[in-house]
């Protein structure tokens, strides 16, 4: 899998999760894709495809996306816990 395919797959998971009623599995799939994007970023830097400034910028953006996605996953867990009672 290459970087672009991974990015598009991540976006597909996010868009799909927005449209679904049960989002938990799709959000977890998006989280896996996000980890792959982080890995691709690290590898790109290690192999000197990108410079340090670009690496840091991408890392910051991926971390922010991770925080947002983590909050969304947490809210879905809380929703499923509340509905399950």
C-alpha atoms as a PDB file:
ATOM      1  CA  UNK A   1       0.000   0.000   0.000  1.00  0.00           C
ATOM      2  CA  UNK A   2       1.348   3.416  -0.797  1.00  0.00           C
ATOM      3  CA  UNK A   3       0.911   6.708   1.016  1.00  0.00           C
ATOM      4  CA  UNK A   4      -1.804   8.101  -1.269  1.00  0.00           C
ATOM      5  CA  UNK A   5      -3.903   4.938  -1.122  1.00  0.00           C
ATOM      6  CA  UNK A   6      -3.604   4.911   2.647  1.00  0.00           C
ATOM      7  CA  UNK A   7      -4.688   8.554   2.838  1.00  0.00           C
ATOM      8  CA  UNK A   8      -7.691   7.974   0.569  1.00  0.00           C
ATOM      9  CA  UNK A   9      -8.684   4.876   2.534  1.00  0.00           C
ATOM     10  CA  UNK A  10      -8.527   6.933   5.743  1.00  0.00           C
ATOM     11  CA  UNK A  11     -10.769   9.601   4.212  1.00  0.00           C
ATOM     12  CA  UNK A  12     -13.226   6.946   3.040  1.00  0.00           C
ATOM     13  CA  UNK A  13     -13.462   5.576   6.594  1.00  0.00           C
ATOM     14  CA  UNK A  14     -14.088   9.054   8.006  1.00  0.00           C
ATOM     15  CA  UNK A  15     -16.782   9.873   5.453  1.00  0.00           C
ATOM     16  CA  UNK A  16     -18.386   6.457   5.949  1.00  0.00           C
ATOM     17  CA  UNK A  17     -18.407   6.913   9.727  1.00  0.00           C
ATOM     18  CA  UNK A  18     -20.179  10.251   9.348  1.00  0.00           C
ATOM     19  CA  UNK A  19     -22.984   8.555   7.428  1.00  0.00           C
ATOM     20  CA  UNK A  20     -23.366   5.383   9.509  1.00  0.00           C
ATOM     21  CA  UNK A  21     -25.498   4.946  12.586  1.00  0.00           C
ATOM     22  CA  UNK A  22     -23.096   2.392  14.104  1.00  0.00           C
ATOM     23  CA  UNK A  23     -19.713   4.057  13.732  1.00  0.00           C
ATOM     24  CA  UNK A  24     -17.412   2.201  16.133  1.00  0.00           C
ATOM     25  CA  UNK A  25     -15.895  -0.359  13.734  1.00  0.00           C
ATOM     26  CA  UNK A  26     -15.443   2.173  10.940  1.00  0.00           C
ATOM     27  CA  UNK A  27     -13.745   4.598  13.321  1.00  0.00           C
ATOM     28  CA  UNK A  28     -11.427   1.836  14.507  1.00  0.00           C
ATOM     29  CA  UNK A  29     -10.559   1.117  10.865  1.00  0.00           C
ATOM     30  CA  UNK A  30      -9.819   4.821  10.392  1.00  0.00           C
ATOM     31  CA  UNK A  31      -7.568   4.698  13.455  1.00  0.00           C
ATOM     32  CA  UNK A  32      -5.583   1.843  11.895  1.00  0.00           C
ATOM     33  CA  UNK A  33      -5.181   3.854   8.683  1.00  0.00           C
ATOM     34  CA  UNK A  34      -4.020   6.845  10.714  1.00  0.00           C
ATOM     35  CA  UNK A  35      -1.323   4.694  12.312  1.00  0.00           C
ATOM     36  CA  UNK A  36      -0.219   3.624   8.839  1.00  0.00           C
ATOM     37  CA  UNK A  37      -0.034   7.263   7.774  1.00  0.00           C
ATOM     38  CA  UNK A  38       2.177   7.959  10.776  1.00  0.00           C
ATOM     39  CA  UNK A  39       4.374   5.034   9.796  1.00  0.00           C
ATOM     40  CA  UNK A  40       4.637   6.273   6.204  1.00  0.00           C
ATOM     41  CA  UNK A  41       5.591   9.717   7.520  1.00  0.00           C
ATOM     42  CA  UNK A  42       8.307   8.232   9.722  1.00  0.00           C
ATOM     43  CA  UNK A  43       9.647   6.088   6.892  1.00  0.00           C
ATOM     44  CA  UNK A  44       9.610   9.016   4.480  1.00  0.00           C
ATOM     45  CA  UNK A  45      11.735  11.008   6.888  1.00  0.00           C
ATOM     46  CA  UNK A  46      14.080   8.103   7.692  1.00  0.00           C
ATOM     47  CA  UNK A  47      14.637   7.472   3.992  1.00  0.00           C
ATOM     48  CA  UNK A  48      15.165  11.224   3.433  1.00  0.00           C
ATOM     49  CA  UNK A  49      12.203  11.629   1.076  1.00  0.00           C
ATOM     50  CA  UNK A  50      11.068  14.600   3.172  1.00  0.00           C
ATOM     51  CA  UNK A  51      13.036  17.109   5.230  1.00  0.00           C
ATOM     52  CA  UNK A  52      12.734  17.621   8.974  1.00  0.00           C
ATOM     53  CA  UNK A  53      10.480  20.677   8.704  1.00  0.00           C
ATOM     54  CA  UNK A  54       7.942  18.848   6.536  1.00  0.00           C
ATOM     55  CA  UNK A  55       8.179  15.784   8.784  1.00  0.00           C
ATOM     56  CA  UNK A  56       7.375  17.868  11.864  1.00  0.00           C
ATOM     57  CA  UNK A  57       4.490  19.640  10.137  1.00  0.00           C
ATOM     58  CA  UNK A  58       2.937  16.372   8.976  1.00  0.00           C
ATOM     59  CA  UNK A  59       3.499  14.793  12.402  1.00  0.00           C
ATOM     60  CA  UNK A  60       1.738  17.686  14.130  1.00  0.00           C
ATOM     61  CA  UNK A  61      -1.220  17.455  11.772  1.00  0.00           C
ATOM     62  CA  UNK A  62      -1.475  13.659  12.151  1.00  0.00           C
ATOM     63  CA  UNK A  63      -1.323  14.030  15.942  1.00  0.00           C
ATOM     64  CA  UNK A  64      -4.146  16.590  15.878  1.00  0.00           C
ATOM     65  CA  UNK A  65      -6.219  14.302  13.652  1.00  0.00           C
ATOM     66  CA  UNK A  66      -5.467  11.489  16.097  1.00  0.00           C
ATOM     67  CA  UNK A  67      -6.745  13.544  19.027  1.00  0.00           C
ATOM     68  CA  UNK A  68      -9.942  14.394  17.146  1.00  0.00           C
ATOM     69  CA  UNK A  69     -10.455  10.793  16.054  1.00  0.00           C
ATOM     70  CA  UNK A  70      -9.734   9.538  19.579  1.00  0.00           C
ATOM     71  CA  UNK A  71     -12.369  11.897  20.970  1.00  0.00           C
ATOM     72  CA  UNK A  72     -14.881  10.698  18.396  1.00  0.00           C
ATOM     73  CA  UNK A  73     -14.158   7.051  19.249  1.00  0.00           C
ATOM     74  CA  UNK A  74     -14.471   7.818  22.968  1.00  0.00           C
ATOM     75  CA  UNK A  75     -17.813   9.550  22.439  1.00  0.00           C
ATOM     76  CA  UNK A  76     -19.086   6.542  20.501  1.00  0.00           C
ATOM     77  CA  UNK A  77     -18.038   4.201  23.319  1.00  0.00           C
ATOM     78  CA  UNK A  78     -19.830   6.413  25.825  1.00  0.00           C
ATOM     79  CA  UNK A  79     -22.916   6.502  23.596  1.00  0.00           C
ATOM     80  CA  UNK A  80     -22.955   2.712  23.222  1.00  0.00           C
ATOM     81  CA  UNK A  81     -22.478   2.307  26.993  1.00  0.00           C
ATOM     82  CA  UNK A  82     -25.336   4.717  27.721  1.00  0.00           C
ATOM     83  CA  UNK A  83     -27.645   3.044  25.199  1.00  0.00           C
ATOM     84  CA  UNK A  84     -26.759  -0.412  26.497  1.00  0.00           C
ATOM     85  CA  UNK A  85     -27.984   0.302  30.024  1.00  0.00           C
END
